[in-house]
Amino acid sequence: MGRGDKKTKKGKIFKGSFGVVRPKKNISTKVLETTKQKKVSKKASKKTKK
């Protein structure tokens, strides 16, 4: 069980694949919503300052 074993984390890192042992990090929808709200609030604040 080392770099050649596709079922271990070390093997997946070596091979460059993802799965149960080494999941891909997805951007959660909550993070996306907060970034969208920040962008909208920045645009709104710029309009009100002028």
C-alpha atoms as a PDB file:
ATOM      1  CA  MET A   1       0.000   0.000   0.000  1.00  0.00           C
ATOM      2  CA  GLY A   2       1.929   2.941  -1.305  1.00  0.00           C
ATOM      3  CA  ARG A   3       2.103   5.193  -4.290  1.00  0.00           C
ATOM      4  CA  GLY A   4       1.046   2.451  -6.696  1.00  0.00           C
ATOM      5  CA  ASP A   5      -2.161   1.629  -4.798  1.00  0.00           C
ATOM      6  CA  LYS A   6      -5.028   3.608  -6.356  1.00  0.00           C
ATOM      7  CA  LYS A   7      -7.266   3.101  -3.313  1.00  0.00           C
ATOM      8  CA  THR A   8      -5.045   4.985  -0.856  1.00  0.00           C
ATOM      9  CA  LYS A   9      -4.656   8.744  -0.474  1.00  0.00           C
ATOM     10  CA  LYS A  10      -0.970   8.593  -1.338  1.00  0.00           C
ATOM     11  CA  GLY A  11      -1.718   6.570  -4.462  1.00  0.00           C
ATOM     12  CA  LYS A  12      -4.405   9.004  -5.564  1.00  0.00           C
ATOM     13  CA  ILE A  13      -2.062  11.967  -5.071  1.00  0.00           C
ATOM     14  CA  PHE A  14       0.606  10.172  -7.125  1.00  0.00           C
ATOM     15  CA  LYS A  15      -1.864   9.276  -9.883  1.00  0.00           C
ATOM     16  CA  GLY A  16      -3.691  12.623  -9.739  1.00  0.00           C
ATOM     17  CA  SER A  17      -7.158  11.173  -9.303  1.00  0.00           C
ATOM     18  CA  PHE A  18      -9.966  11.898  -6.863  1.00  0.00           C
ATOM     19  CA  GLY A  19     -12.461   9.702  -5.017  1.00  0.00           C
ATOM     20  CA  VAL A  20     -13.761   8.774  -1.566  1.00  0.00           C
ATOM     21  CA  VAL A  21     -10.310   8.812   0.040  1.00  0.00           C
ATOM     22  CA  ARG A  22      -9.291  12.051  -1.689  1.00  0.00           C
ATOM     23  CA  PRO A  23     -12.355  14.141  -2.528  1.00  0.00           C
ATOM     24  CA  LYS A  24     -12.248  17.199  -4.755  1.00  0.00           C
ATOM     25  CA  LYS A  25     -12.909  20.426  -2.899  1.00  0.00           C
ATOM     26  CA  ASN A  26     -16.091  21.959  -4.258  1.00  0.00           C
ATOM     27  CA  ILE A  27     -17.081  25.559  -3.670  1.00  0.00           C
ATOM     28  CA  SER A  28     -20.189  25.452  -1.537  1.00  0.00           C
ATOM     29  CA  THR A  29     -23.254  27.375  -2.631  1.00  0.00           C
ATOM     30  CA  LYS A  30     -23.195  29.341   0.635  1.00  0.00           C
ATOM     31  CA  VAL A  31     -19.773  30.779  -0.223  1.00  0.00           C
ATOM     32  CA  LEU A  32     -20.939  31.706  -3.714  1.00  0.00           C
ATOM     33  CA  GLU A  33     -24.024  33.479  -2.348  1.00  0.00           C
ATOM     34  CA  THR A  34     -21.998  35.574   0.096  1.00  0.00           C
ATOM     35  CA  THR A  35     -19.513  36.651  -2.585  1.00  0.00           C
ATOM     36  CA  LYS A  36     -22.374  37.656  -4.889  1.00  0.00           C
ATOM     37  CA  GLN A  37     -23.973  39.680  -2.086  1.00  0.00           C
ATOM     38  CA  LYS A  38     -20.681  41.465  -1.391  1.00  0.00           C
ATOM     39  CA  LYS A  39     -20.304  42.409  -5.061  1.00  0.00           C
ATOM     40  CA  VAL A  40     -23.877  43.710  -5.221  1.00  0.00           C
ATOM     41  CA  SER A  41     -23.486  45.717  -2.004  1.00  0.00           C
ATOM     42  CA  LYS A  42     -20.236  47.274  -3.274  1.00  0.00           C
ATOM     43  CA  LYS A  43     -21.941  48.347  -6.506  1.00  0.00           C
ATOM     44  CA  ALA A  44     -24.892  49.773  -4.566  1.00  0.00           C
ATOM     45  CA  SER A  45     -22.631  51.705  -2.203  1.00  0.00           C
ATOM     46  CA  LYS A  46     -20.713  53.227  -5.124  1.00  0.00           C
ATOM     47  CA  LYS A  47     -23.958  54.455  -6.690  1.00  0.00           C
ATOM     48  CA  THR A  48     -25.182  56.026  -3.457  1.00  0.00           C
ATOM     49  CA  LYS A  49     -21.864  57.834  -2.787  1.00  0.00           C
ATOM     50  CA  LYS A  50     -21.981  59.749  -6.096  1.00  0.00           C
END
